Protein backbone atom coordinates (compact mmCIF):
# COMPACT_ATOMS: atom_id res chain seq x y z
CA MET A 1 -92.25 -47.41 158.94
CA THR A 2 -92.85 -51.16 158.60
CA THR A 3 -95.02 -52.08 155.61
CA ILE A 4 -98.00 -54.29 156.39
CA ILE A 5 -97.75 -57.25 154.04
CA LEU A 6 -101.47 -58.08 153.89
CA GLU A 7 -104.47 -56.02 154.89
CA VAL A 8 -107.95 -57.42 154.32
CA LYS A 9 -110.89 -55.10 155.10
CA GLY A 10 -114.60 -55.93 155.10
CA LEU A 11 -114.16 -58.94 152.79
CA ALA A 12 -117.33 -60.77 151.81
CA LYS A 13 -118.09 -63.49 149.28
CA SER A 14 -121.20 -65.45 148.26
CA PHE A 15 -121.72 -68.28 145.80
CA ARG A 16 -125.17 -68.65 144.20
CA ALA A 17 -126.65 -66.32 146.82
CA HIS A 18 -125.14 -68.43 149.63
CA PRO A 19 -122.91 -66.26 151.88
CA VAL A 20 -119.53 -67.88 152.51
CA LEU A 21 -117.49 -65.03 154.03
CA HIS A 22 -118.82 -62.10 156.07
CA ASP A 23 -116.97 -58.87 156.85
CA ILE A 24 -113.47 -60.37 157.21
CA ASP A 25 -110.71 -58.10 158.57
CA LEU A 26 -107.13 -59.36 158.83
CA ILE A 27 -103.64 -57.86 159.02
CA LEU A 28 -100.34 -59.74 158.49
CA GLN A 29 -97.07 -58.17 159.61
CA PRO A 30 -93.80 -58.86 157.74
CA GLY A 31 -92.11 -62.18 158.45
CA THR A 32 -94.95 -63.58 160.53
CA THR A 33 -97.10 -66.69 160.15
CA THR A 34 -100.86 -66.48 160.59
CA ALA A 35 -103.07 -69.55 160.80
CA VAL A 36 -106.77 -69.44 159.97
CA VAL A 37 -108.32 -72.41 161.75
CA GLY A 38 -111.86 -73.68 161.50
CA ALA A 39 -114.03 -76.63 160.63
CA SER A 40 -114.33 -77.90 157.05
CA GLY A 41 -116.62 -75.70 154.98
CA CYS A 42 -116.35 -72.61 157.17
CA GLY A 43 -114.79 -70.44 154.41
CA LYS A 44 -111.05 -70.83 155.01
CA THR A 45 -110.09 -71.88 151.49
CA THR A 46 -112.38 -69.25 149.94
CA LEU A 47 -110.44 -66.61 151.88
CA LEU A 48 -107.16 -67.98 150.49
CA ARG A 49 -108.53 -68.07 146.94
CA LEU A 50 -109.64 -64.44 147.20
CA ILE A 51 -106.18 -63.37 148.37
CA ALA A 52 -104.49 -65.42 145.64
CA GLY A 53 -106.75 -63.87 142.99
CA PHE A 54 -108.67 -66.98 141.99
CA GLU A 55 -111.95 -65.37 143.12
CA THR A 56 -113.23 -61.76 143.21
CA PRO A 57 -114.76 -60.35 146.43
CA ASP A 58 -118.36 -59.17 146.58
CA ALA A 59 -117.36 -56.53 149.13
CA GLY A 60 -114.19 -55.31 150.80
CA THR A 61 -110.59 -54.82 149.70
CA ILE A 62 -107.31 -56.75 149.70
CA VAL A 63 -104.05 -54.80 149.94
CA LEU A 64 -100.68 -56.55 149.43
CA ALA A 65 -97.53 -54.69 150.46
CA GLY A 66 -99.29 -51.34 150.13
CA ARG A 67 -100.90 -52.09 146.75
CA GLN A 68 -104.62 -52.78 146.44
CA VAL A 69 -105.01 -56.00 144.45
CA ALA A 70 -108.72 -56.73 144.83
CA SER A 71 -112.07 -55.05 145.28
CA PRO A 72 -115.51 -55.69 143.78
CA GLU A 73 -114.67 -53.25 140.97
CA SER A 74 -111.15 -54.37 140.03
CA ALA A 75 -108.65 -57.15 140.58
CA VAL A 76 -104.96 -57.72 139.81
CA ALA A 77 -104.33 -61.02 138.01
CA PRO A 78 -103.05 -63.85 140.24
CA HIS A 79 -99.63 -64.07 138.54
CA ARG A 80 -99.06 -60.35 139.13
CA ARG A 81 -99.72 -60.39 142.88
CA GLY A 82 -96.39 -61.84 144.00
CA VAL A 83 -98.12 -64.58 145.99
CA GLY A 84 -96.91 -68.16 146.44
CA TYR A 85 -99.51 -70.90 146.80
CA VAL A 86 -99.07 -74.47 148.09
CA ALA A 87 -102.17 -76.67 147.87
CA GLN A 88 -103.12 -79.66 150.01
CA ASP A 89 -101.70 -82.20 147.54
CA GLY A 90 -98.76 -80.09 146.41
CA ALA A 91 -100.16 -80.00 142.84
CA LEU A 92 -96.88 -81.04 141.21
CA PHE A 93 -96.91 -81.73 137.48
CA PRO A 94 -96.66 -85.55 137.27
CA HIS A 95 -95.09 -85.55 133.78
CA LEU A 96 -92.19 -83.31 134.88
CA THR A 97 -89.19 -84.10 137.02
CA VAL A 98 -88.69 -82.43 140.39
CA GLY A 99 -86.16 -80.08 138.80
CA GLN A 100 -88.55 -79.18 136.00
CA ASN A 101 -91.37 -78.58 138.48
CA ILE A 102 -89.21 -76.14 140.43
CA ALA A 103 -87.90 -74.55 137.23
CA TYR A 104 -91.50 -73.82 136.28
CA GLY A 105 -91.47 -71.26 139.07
CA LEU A 106 -88.30 -69.76 137.57
CA ARG A 107 -89.81 -68.93 134.17
CA GLY A 108 -88.29 -65.74 132.83
CA ASN A 109 -84.88 -66.38 134.41
CA ALA A 110 -81.80 -66.90 132.27
CA ARG A 111 -81.47 -70.59 131.36
CA SER A 112 -77.85 -70.66 132.55
CA GLY A 113 -78.87 -69.87 136.11
CA VAL A 114 -81.92 -72.12 136.37
CA ASP A 115 -80.05 -75.33 137.27
CA ALA A 116 -78.10 -73.58 140.01
CA SER A 117 -81.28 -72.01 141.35
CA VAL A 118 -83.05 -75.39 141.40
CA GLY A 119 -80.18 -76.87 143.39
CA GLU A 120 -80.26 -73.98 145.87
CA LEU A 121 -84.01 -74.28 146.32
CA LEU A 122 -83.77 -78.03 146.90
CA GLU A 123 -81.12 -77.37 149.52
CA THR A 124 -83.38 -74.75 151.10
CA VAL A 125 -86.09 -77.37 151.68
CA SER A 126 -83.54 -79.95 152.88
CA LEU A 127 -83.56 -82.15 149.78
CA ASP A 128 -80.42 -83.37 148.02
CA ALA A 129 -79.66 -82.10 144.51
CA SER A 130 -80.12 -85.68 143.24
CA PHE A 131 -83.88 -85.28 143.76
CA ALA A 132 -83.97 -82.98 140.71
CA SER A 133 -84.10 -85.97 138.34
CA ARG A 134 -86.88 -87.81 140.16
CA ARG A 135 -90.56 -87.84 139.26
CA PRO A 136 -93.25 -86.81 141.78
CA HIS A 137 -94.52 -90.38 142.12
CA GLN A 138 -91.08 -91.40 143.39
CA LEU A 139 -91.37 -89.04 146.38
CA SER A 140 -93.03 -89.44 149.73
CA GLY A 141 -95.91 -87.13 150.63
CA GLY A 142 -93.65 -85.00 152.77
CA GLN A 143 -91.04 -84.72 150.01
CA GLN A 144 -93.70 -83.69 147.51
CA GLN A 145 -94.81 -80.89 149.82
CA ARG A 146 -91.22 -79.69 150.15
CA VAL A 147 -90.84 -79.61 146.38
CA ALA A 148 -94.11 -77.68 146.08
CA LEU A 149 -92.77 -75.20 148.62
CA ALA A 150 -89.49 -74.87 146.70
CA ARG A 151 -91.42 -74.12 143.51
CA ALA A 152 -93.50 -71.49 145.29
CA LEU A 153 -90.38 -69.91 146.82
CA ALA A 154 -88.69 -69.72 143.40
CA ARG A 155 -90.45 -66.49 142.53
CA HIS A 156 -89.62 -64.80 145.85
CA PRO A 157 -93.26 -64.23 146.85
CA VAL A 158 -94.23 -61.32 149.09
CA LEU A 159 -96.77 -63.66 150.72
CA MET A 160 -96.98 -67.46 150.98
CA LEU A 161 -100.40 -69.12 151.09
CA LEU A 162 -100.61 -72.66 152.47
CA ASP A 163 -103.91 -74.49 151.93
CA GLU A 164 -104.11 -77.45 154.36
CA PRO A 165 -100.63 -78.51 153.14
CA PHE A 166 -100.08 -81.25 155.74
CA SER A 167 -103.55 -82.78 156.12
CA ALA A 168 -102.97 -85.66 153.70
CA LEU A 169 -99.83 -86.84 155.53
CA ASP A 170 -99.80 -89.44 158.27
CA THR A 171 -99.39 -88.28 161.86
CA GLY A 172 -95.62 -88.71 162.23
CA LEU A 173 -94.79 -87.32 158.80
CA ARG A 174 -97.20 -84.42 159.28
CA ALA A 175 -95.42 -83.21 162.40
CA SER A 176 -91.92 -83.45 160.91
CA THR A 177 -92.92 -81.87 157.58
CA ARG A 178 -94.76 -79.07 159.37
CA LYS A 179 -91.68 -78.31 161.45
CA ALA A 180 -89.41 -78.38 158.39
CA VAL A 181 -91.65 -76.10 156.33
CA ALA A 182 -92.09 -73.65 159.20
CA GLY A 183 -88.31 -73.55 159.62
CA VAL A 184 -87.73 -72.80 155.94
CA LEU A 185 -90.27 -69.99 155.88
CA ALA A 186 -88.90 -68.50 159.10
CA ASP A 187 -85.33 -68.62 157.80
CA LYS A 188 -86.40 -66.90 154.60
CA GLY A 189 -88.48 -64.32 156.47
CA VAL A 190 -91.49 -65.13 154.30
CA THR A 191 -94.85 -63.83 155.51
CA THR A 192 -97.20 -66.79 155.55
CA LEU A 193 -100.95 -67.41 155.74
CA LEU A 194 -101.90 -71.00 156.56
CA VAL A 195 -105.41 -72.43 156.61
CA THR A 196 -106.05 -75.60 158.55
CA HIS A 197 -108.71 -77.50 160.48
CA ASP A 198 -106.05 -78.84 162.86
CA GLN A 199 -106.03 -76.82 166.09
CA GLU A 200 -102.66 -78.18 167.24
CA GLU A 201 -101.11 -77.25 163.91
CA ALA A 202 -102.46 -73.70 164.11
CA LEU A 203 -101.30 -73.16 167.70
CA SER A 204 -97.83 -74.62 167.12
CA ILE A 205 -96.85 -73.00 163.84
CA ALA A 206 -98.36 -69.52 163.99
CA ASP A 207 -97.53 -66.14 165.46
CA GLN A 208 -101.19 -65.14 165.01
CA VAL A 209 -104.29 -67.37 164.99
CA ALA A 210 -107.65 -66.44 163.49
CA VAL A 211 -110.52 -68.72 164.49
CA MET A 212 -113.25 -68.95 161.84
CA ARG A 213 -116.85 -70.06 162.21
CA ASP A 214 -119.44 -69.91 159.41
CA GLY A 215 -117.42 -67.38 157.42
CA ARG A 216 -116.65 -65.04 160.31
CA PHE A 217 -113.69 -64.64 162.65
CA THR A 218 -114.70 -65.29 166.24
CA GLN A 219 -111.29 -64.19 167.57
CA VAL A 220 -107.88 -63.14 166.24
CA GLY A 221 -104.81 -63.06 168.48
CA SER A 222 -101.63 -64.82 169.50
CA PRO A 223 -101.84 -68.58 170.09
CA GLY A 224 -101.67 -68.00 173.84
CA GLN A 225 -104.41 -65.38 173.73
CA VAL A 226 -106.95 -67.40 171.77
CA TYR A 227 -106.26 -70.56 173.77
CA ARG A 228 -105.98 -69.11 177.28
CA GLN A 229 -108.27 -66.12 176.87
CA PRO A 230 -111.09 -67.12 174.51
CA THR A 231 -113.76 -64.48 174.04
CA ASP A 232 -116.66 -66.88 173.50
CA ARG A 233 -117.73 -70.46 174.15
CA PHE A 234 -117.20 -71.62 170.56
CA THR A 235 -113.56 -70.46 170.43
CA ALA A 236 -112.85 -72.03 173.83
CA GLU A 237 -114.30 -75.40 172.86
CA PHE A 238 -113.00 -75.47 169.29
CA LEU A 239 -109.37 -74.97 170.29
CA GLY A 240 -109.32 -77.82 172.81
CA ASP A 241 -110.98 -79.59 175.69
CA CYS A 242 -112.34 -77.25 178.29
CA ILE A 243 -114.23 -77.45 181.55
CA SER A 244 -117.18 -75.10 182.01
CA LEU A 245 -118.61 -74.63 185.49
CA PRO A 246 -121.44 -72.40 186.69
CA CYS A 247 -120.07 -69.78 189.07
CA THR A 248 -120.71 -66.56 190.92
CA VAL A 249 -118.10 -63.86 190.42
CA ALA A 250 -117.09 -61.25 192.98
CA SER A 251 -113.99 -59.04 192.83
CA GLY A 252 -112.06 -61.20 190.35
CA VAL A 253 -112.82 -64.52 192.05
CA ALA A 254 -115.29 -67.16 190.83
CA ASP A 255 -117.01 -69.36 193.39
CA CYS A 256 -117.69 -72.72 191.70
CA ALA A 257 -117.75 -76.47 192.36
CA LEU A 258 -113.94 -76.48 192.58
CA GLY A 259 -113.89 -73.75 195.21
CA ARG A 260 -112.64 -70.20 194.68
CA VAL A 261 -110.88 -69.67 191.34
CA SER A 262 -109.09 -66.49 190.24
CA VAL A 263 -110.49 -65.11 186.97
CA GLN A 264 -109.68 -62.24 184.61
CA ALA A 265 -109.92 -58.78 186.16
CA SER A 266 -112.51 -57.69 183.60
CA ALA A 267 -115.02 -60.35 184.67
CA ALA A 268 -118.25 -58.72 185.81
CA ASP A 269 -119.58 -59.55 189.26
CA GLY A 270 -122.58 -61.88 189.31
CA PRO A 271 -123.49 -65.24 187.79
CA GLY A 272 -121.48 -66.65 184.89
CA THR A 273 -119.54 -69.64 183.61
CA VAL A 274 -115.87 -70.15 184.43
CA VAL A 275 -113.89 -71.94 181.71
CA LEU A 276 -110.71 -73.91 182.49
CA ARG A 277 -108.42 -76.14 180.43
CA PRO A 278 -107.91 -79.76 181.62
CA GLU A 279 -104.20 -79.14 182.20
CA GLN A 280 -105.10 -76.42 184.72
CA LEU A 281 -106.50 -79.04 187.08
CA VAL A 282 -104.20 -81.13 189.28
CA ALA A 283 -105.57 -84.28 190.87
CA THR A 284 -103.86 -85.52 194.06
CA VAL A 285 -104.84 -88.77 195.75
CA VAL A 286 -106.23 -88.38 199.28
CA SER A 287 -107.27 -90.95 201.85
CA ASP A 288 -110.94 -91.83 202.37
CA SER A 289 -110.79 -90.25 205.80
CA GLU A 290 -109.73 -86.82 204.53
CA GLN A 291 -112.66 -84.43 204.23
CA LEU A 292 -111.56 -81.63 201.92
CA ASP A 293 -113.23 -79.26 199.49
CA GLY A 294 -112.80 -80.26 195.86
CA VAL A 295 -112.64 -84.01 196.45
CA GLY A 296 -113.84 -86.36 193.72
CA THR A 297 -113.53 -89.95 192.50
CA VAL A 298 -111.62 -91.11 189.40
CA ILE A 299 -114.14 -93.01 187.26
CA ALA A 300 -112.13 -93.44 184.02
CA THR A 301 -108.64 -92.99 182.61
CA GLU A 302 -107.42 -92.57 179.03
CA PHE A 303 -103.74 -93.21 178.40
CA LEU A 304 -102.30 -90.92 175.68
CA GLY A 305 -98.62 -91.73 176.03
CA HIS A 306 -97.04 -88.62 177.50
CA ASP A 307 -100.31 -87.58 179.13
CA VAL A 308 -103.31 -89.25 180.71
CA LEU A 309 -106.87 -87.98 180.79
CA LEU A 310 -108.67 -88.59 184.06
CA THR A 311 -112.44 -88.46 184.25
CA ILE A 312 -113.35 -87.40 187.76
CA ASP A 313 -116.76 -87.45 189.37
CA PRO A 314 -116.79 -84.58 191.87
CA ASP A 315 -118.90 -84.65 194.97
CA GLY A 316 -122.18 -82.85 194.51
CA ASP A 317 -124.24 -82.23 191.37
CA THR A 318 -121.39 -81.17 189.06
CA ALA A 319 -120.92 -83.17 185.84
CA PRO A 320 -117.73 -85.29 185.55
CA LEU A 321 -114.53 -83.30 184.98
CA ILE A 322 -111.65 -84.06 182.61
CA VAL A 323 -108.14 -83.58 184.03
CA ARG A 324 -105.01 -83.83 181.86
CA GLN A 325 -101.74 -84.64 183.60
CA HIS A 326 -98.48 -86.54 183.19
CA SER A 327 -98.99 -90.26 182.66
CA LEU A 328 -96.35 -91.33 185.18
CA ASN A 329 -98.15 -92.98 188.13
CA PRO A 330 -101.56 -91.38 187.61
CA PRO A 331 -104.35 -91.88 190.18
CA PRO A 332 -106.12 -95.23 189.56
CA ILE A 333 -109.81 -95.71 188.93
CA ASP A 334 -111.89 -95.39 192.14
CA ALA A 335 -109.18 -93.29 193.81
CA LYS A 336 -110.32 -90.30 195.85
CA VAL A 337 -108.56 -87.16 194.62
CA ARG A 338 -108.34 -83.53 195.58
CA ILE A 339 -108.65 -81.18 192.60
CA GLU A 340 -106.61 -77.97 192.60
CA VAL A 341 -106.74 -75.24 189.99
CA VAL A 342 -103.55 -73.78 188.52
CA GLY A 343 -103.64 -70.35 186.91
CA THR A 344 -106.59 -68.16 186.04
CA GLY A 345 -109.98 -69.09 184.68
CA ILE A 346 -111.96 -67.18 182.06
CA VAL A 347 -115.52 -66.14 182.79
CA LEU A 348 -117.92 -66.23 179.85
CA THR A 349 -121.43 -64.91 180.30
């Protein structure tokens, strides 16, 4: 039987009578990465601090690898939980070298083996052994985060907690560091819980995504599930641009301004709102003489490099639509386009 690494049940926390977390349930399977994504101040970091042992819950329990480590009545000390923690800024000791920072995580090991272990950990995070003699201020932001990860890995944690570890890095460095860190954790088989406000980061790095709003999870599922099959309007809009159109549903088909769109089988017949992602719409230029359903006019374009966002004014009373497609030879402004829907829409009532 596979041991669940983390099980959180009914977790709640308030500060000065202000509720921050409400009835949080979460399960992490071995070797997986879960991302908790939400806006700043929604309770993500408080959840991490409760799991790490820096705070005590007002209600609920936290079980790590089959052992209860927190409840309102009792709590295991942070250093006895077997949890690694990497903060947003890495939190390296500035007066110590890189090697000494990593060795701090090896306290209790025989001195003769510490240097070898430091070298192995540096190699694990793709840093040369020569980095051991450097000071934190001599490292780039991405290198500092790798050292912080090496220090956290030194104690072979049962669970790794990452608190917005890439948010202070610039765009290019953030992507490469994120990929490198994810690779290290996957290679080591370390179960990881990441909190972030970056939707792209959550969707790209995680096996499971938990969307948080005002201290509650609105949806927990695979990246594909929460993005393609949101259960409510907030989750749909928070995870990316979406198009919401009034519709009437009958037998799994929504009749809307774009014509007839297939929707999830569970959608109830009657009025509703069909939600689509911009990349589900394909705009094809048509001549002025063609009279087709779903024809609109391109009124604005936004070049994003690989992609382009088209703002299209459809015929009728529907608000302008956003279409995302490849930036090679996109329809120009004022072009008449036919809009086709790819895939299935989601009906939210």
